[in-house]
Amino acid sequence: MKKVLALVVAATLALSVFAAVQADQEGKEEPKKEAKEKAKKEEAPKHEYVGVKKCAMCHKSKARGNQYGQWQETKHATAYETLATDAAKKAAEEAGIEGDPQESPKCLKCHVTAYGVDESLLGSKYTMEDGVGCESCHGPGSDYMKLSIMKDQEKAIANGLIIPTEELCVTCHNEESPTFVKFVYKEMFPKIAHPIPDKDEEEE
């Protein structure tokens, strides 16, 4: 009986030591894991925002779909200007946002392209007055804007192109907005759609 008890005590002690060693090892590995993840983020390419005017150079011809012209007809194009209206000021005040909405981070984060990014990533043609421009939805274009890359969607995506999804839209079209109304992606997306014409259509 004493031998059995001694064996149980020894086994329990061994398990306790093993658990302590394992916990200590995991504790050491966790900072390493975090460091690796941080390093990956730092190594990720930082694409520059080139501005709407750069995009327009290739995307305003009728033959290619005039995406720039279609964007100009949307509320995205005047998103920054909207913040200067009396309605916007009233909505901001009611939401407890102090000061000028055109200077408030709470407003600008969704009314301006690239708000808050490092200034070194803003190209010479970038301007916040363009509101919610192309790169708000498609990502900074410095590395995918070349025609040779844009012709190959996989290459473009590898160089920073984003294909917008509902998940992206609702990062701004959500209840954090003081003027939020129910957002139905399937109904709203067609209002801003600007597809590239099929080659057959271009030839007609």
Protein backbone atom coordinates (compact mmCIF):
# COMPACT_ATOMS: atom_id res chain seq x y z
CA MET A 1 0.00 0.00 0.00
CA LYS A 2 2.82 2.36 0.93
CA LYS A 3 4.56 1.57 -2.37
CA VAL A 4 1.38 2.38 -4.34
CA LEU A 5 0.96 5.64 -2.45
CA ALA A 6 4.60 6.54 -3.06
CA LEU A 7 4.17 5.86 -6.77
CA VAL A 8 1.06 8.07 -6.93
CA VAL A 9 2.86 10.90 -5.13
CA ALA A 10 5.87 10.55 -7.43
CA ALA A 11 3.67 10.55 -10.55
CA THR A 12 1.77 13.61 -9.32
CA LEU A 13 5.01 15.43 -8.59
CA ALA A 14 6.39 14.53 -12.02
CA LEU A 15 3.26 15.82 -13.74
CA SER A 16 3.44 19.06 -11.75
CA VAL A 17 7.07 19.59 -12.75
CA PHE A 18 6.26 18.81 -16.40
CA ALA A 19 3.32 21.25 -16.39
CA ALA A 20 5.48 23.98 -14.85
CA VAL A 21 8.24 23.45 -17.42
CA GLN A 22 5.72 23.45 -20.28
CA ALA A 23 4.06 26.64 -19.02
CA ASP A 24 7.45 28.29 -18.71
CA GLN A 25 8.34 27.22 -22.25
CA GLU A 26 5.02 28.53 -23.62
CA GLY A 27 5.61 31.79 -21.78
CA LYS A 28 8.95 32.16 -23.56
CA GLU A 29 7.49 31.20 -26.96
CA GLU A 30 4.61 33.71 -26.80
CA PRO A 31 6.82 36.84 -27.03
CA LYS A 32 8.71 35.14 -29.89
CA LYS A 33 5.43 34.55 -31.71
CA GLU A 34 4.37 38.16 -31.22
CA ALA A 35 7.77 39.37 -32.41
CA LYS A 36 7.50 37.25 -35.57
CA GLU A 37 4.02 38.59 -36.32
CA LYS A 38 5.21 42.15 -35.78
CA ALA A 39 8.18 41.56 -38.06
CA LYS A 40 5.89 40.22 -40.79
CA LYS A 41 3.75 43.35 -40.61
CA GLU A 42 6.82 45.56 -40.78
CA GLU A 43 8.16 43.59 -43.75
CA ALA A 44 4.86 43.89 -45.65
CA PRO A 45 5.17 46.32 -48.57
CA LYS A 46 3.84 49.79 -47.82
CA HIS A 47 2.14 50.97 -50.99
CA GLU A 48 1.64 54.70 -51.59
CA TYR A 49 -1.65 56.49 -52.21
CA VAL A 50 -1.37 58.16 -55.60
CA GLY A 51 -4.65 60.10 -55.58
CA VAL A 52 -7.78 60.13 -57.72
CA LYS A 53 -6.22 62.22 -60.49
CA LYS A 54 -3.61 59.55 -61.14
CA CYS A 55 -6.32 56.90 -61.39
CA ALA A 56 -8.31 59.11 -63.75
CA MET A 57 -5.50 59.10 -66.30
CA CYS A 58 -6.57 55.62 -67.40
CA HIS A 59 -10.08 55.41 -66.01
CA LYS A 60 -11.95 58.32 -67.56
CA SER A 61 -12.28 57.24 -71.17
CA LYS A 62 -15.65 55.93 -72.33
CA ALA A 63 -13.97 53.01 -74.06
CA ARG A 64 -12.60 51.79 -70.73
CA GLY A 65 -15.80 52.42 -68.80
CA ASN A 66 -15.25 55.97 -67.48
CA GLN A 67 -14.97 54.80 -63.87
CA TYR A 68 -13.71 58.23 -62.86
CA GLY A 69 -16.81 59.94 -64.26
CA GLN A 70 -19.09 57.45 -62.52
CA TRP A 71 -17.29 58.01 -59.22
CA GLN A 72 -17.78 61.78 -59.58
CA GLU A 73 -21.53 61.22 -59.62
CA THR A 74 -21.50 59.40 -56.27
CA LYS A 75 -21.63 60.72 -52.71
CA HIS A 76 -18.19 59.21 -52.18
CA ALA A 77 -16.71 61.99 -54.31
CA THR A 78 -18.16 64.71 -52.08
CA ALA A 79 -17.70 62.90 -48.76
CA TYR A 80 -15.21 65.48 -47.45
CA GLU A 81 -17.29 68.44 -48.65
CA THR A 82 -20.34 66.98 -46.93
CA LEU A 83 -18.65 67.44 -43.55
CA ALA A 84 -18.80 71.23 -44.03
CA THR A 85 -22.60 71.30 -44.35
CA ASP A 86 -24.93 72.47 -41.59
CA ALA A 87 -26.54 69.02 -41.57
CA ALA A 88 -23.17 67.39 -40.89
CA LYS A 89 -22.35 69.86 -38.13
CA LYS A 90 -25.70 69.23 -36.49
CA ALA A 91 -25.27 65.44 -36.72
CA ALA A 92 -21.79 65.70 -35.23
CA GLU A 93 -23.02 67.85 -32.37
CA GLU A 94 -25.84 65.43 -31.59
CA ALA A 95 -23.32 62.59 -31.59
CA GLY A 96 -21.13 64.43 -29.10
CA ILE A 97 -18.40 65.20 -31.63
CA GLU A 98 -16.84 68.56 -30.74
CA GLY A 99 -15.44 71.06 -33.18
CA ASP A 100 -15.35 71.07 -36.96
CA PRO A 101 -16.38 67.72 -38.53
CA GLN A 102 -13.79 68.32 -41.27
CA GLU A 103 -11.11 68.11 -38.59
CA SER A 104 -12.53 65.34 -36.43
CA PRO A 105 -10.81 61.93 -36.65
CA LYS A 106 -14.18 60.30 -35.92
CA CYS A 107 -15.56 61.78 -39.15
CA LEU A 108 -12.48 61.86 -41.34
CA LYS A 109 -11.69 58.17 -40.90
CA CYS A 110 -14.61 57.39 -43.23
CA HIS A 111 -14.96 60.61 -45.24
CA VAL A 112 -11.40 60.78 -46.50
CA THR A 113 -9.11 58.32 -48.28
CA ALA A 114 -6.04 57.23 -46.32
CA TYR A 115 -6.81 59.29 -43.23
CA GLY A 116 -4.28 58.66 -40.50
CA VAL A 117 -1.64 56.91 -42.61
CA ASP A 118 1.98 58.01 -42.49
CA GLU A 119 2.47 61.11 -44.64
CA SER A 120 5.35 59.42 -46.43
CA LEU A 121 2.76 57.17 -48.08
CA LEU A 122 0.81 60.07 -49.60
CA GLY A 123 1.83 60.87 -53.16
CA SER A 124 2.07 64.37 -54.62
CA LYS A 125 -1.34 64.07 -56.31
CA TYR A 126 -3.12 62.88 -53.16
CA THR A 127 -5.57 65.30 -51.54
CA MET A 128 -8.07 64.69 -48.78
CA GLU A 129 -10.50 66.99 -50.59
CA ASP A 130 -11.16 64.09 -52.99
CA GLY A 131 -13.15 62.45 -50.21
CA VAL A 132 -13.70 58.72 -50.54
CA GLY A 133 -11.63 58.12 -53.64
CA CYS A 134 -10.65 55.06 -55.64
CA GLU A 135 -8.01 53.93 -53.16
CA SER A 136 -10.42 53.91 -50.22
CA CYS A 137 -11.98 50.82 -51.76
CA HIS A 138 -9.22 49.47 -54.01
CA GLY A 139 -6.17 50.08 -51.85
CA PRO A 140 -3.15 52.37 -52.42
CA GLY A 141 -2.24 52.18 -56.08
CA SER A 142 1.43 53.05 -56.45
CA ASP A 143 2.48 49.48 -57.19
CA TYR A 144 -0.47 48.15 -59.16
CA MET A 145 -1.29 51.20 -61.30
CA LYS A 146 1.03 50.25 -64.17
CA LEU A 147 -0.94 48.95 -67.14
CA SER A 148 1.29 45.90 -67.40
CA ILE A 149 0.26 44.93 -63.86
CA MET A 150 -3.37 46.01 -64.04
CA LYS A 151 -3.91 43.69 -67.01
CA ASP A 152 -3.21 40.74 -64.73
CA GLN A 153 -5.53 40.77 -61.72
CA GLU A 154 -3.43 38.32 -59.74
CA LYS A 155 -0.37 40.52 -60.18
CA ALA A 156 -2.38 43.60 -59.29
CA ILE A 157 -3.65 41.99 -56.09
CA ALA A 158 -0.11 40.94 -55.20
CA ASN A 159 0.87 44.59 -55.58
CA GLY A 160 -1.85 46.01 -53.33
CA LEU A 161 -5.09 45.97 -55.33
CA ILE A 162 -8.15 45.27 -53.19
CA ILE A 163 -11.33 43.78 -54.65
CA PRO A 164 -14.07 45.44 -52.54
CA THR A 165 -16.43 43.23 -50.55
CA GLU A 166 -19.36 43.81 -48.24
CA GLU A 167 -17.00 43.40 -45.29
CA LEU A 168 -14.96 46.35 -46.53
CA CYS A 169 -18.02 48.54 -47.09
CA VAL A 170 -19.40 48.01 -43.59
CA THR A 171 -16.18 49.20 -41.97
CA CYS A 172 -17.69 52.65 -42.62
CA HIS A 173 -21.34 51.99 -43.41
CA ASN A 174 -22.22 50.94 -39.88
CA GLU A 175 -23.90 52.19 -36.71
CA GLU A 176 -20.88 54.24 -35.64
CA SER A 177 -22.03 56.84 -38.15
CA PRO A 178 -24.41 59.40 -36.60
CA THR A 179 -26.40 59.45 -39.87
CA PHE A 180 -26.45 55.67 -40.34
CA VAL A 181 -29.38 54.08 -42.11
CA LYS A 182 -29.75 50.36 -42.76
CA PHE A 183 -27.07 49.34 -45.24
CA VAL A 184 -28.12 46.67 -47.72
CA TYR A 185 -25.04 45.79 -49.74
CA LYS A 186 -26.89 44.14 -52.64
CA GLU A 187 -28.97 47.28 -53.13
CA MET A 188 -26.23 49.85 -52.59
CA PHE A 189 -23.34 48.33 -54.52
CA PRO A 190 -24.99 48.70 -57.96
CA LYS A 191 -25.28 52.45 -57.29
CA ILE A 192 -21.51 52.83 -57.30
CA ALA A 193 -20.66 49.99 -59.71
CA HIS A 194 -18.18 50.95 -62.44
CA PRO A 195 -17.23 47.76 -64.29
CA ILE A 196 -14.58 47.57 -66.96
CA PRO A 197 -16.32 46.86 -70.30
CA ASP A 198 -15.91 43.43 -71.85
CA LYS A 199 -13.51 43.32 -74.77
CA ASP A 200 -16.45 42.48 -77.09
CA GLU A 201 -18.23 45.66 -75.96
CA GLU A 202 -15.07 47.74 -76.52
CA GLU A 203 -14.82 46.53 -80.10
CA GLU A 204 -18.44 47.44 -80.97
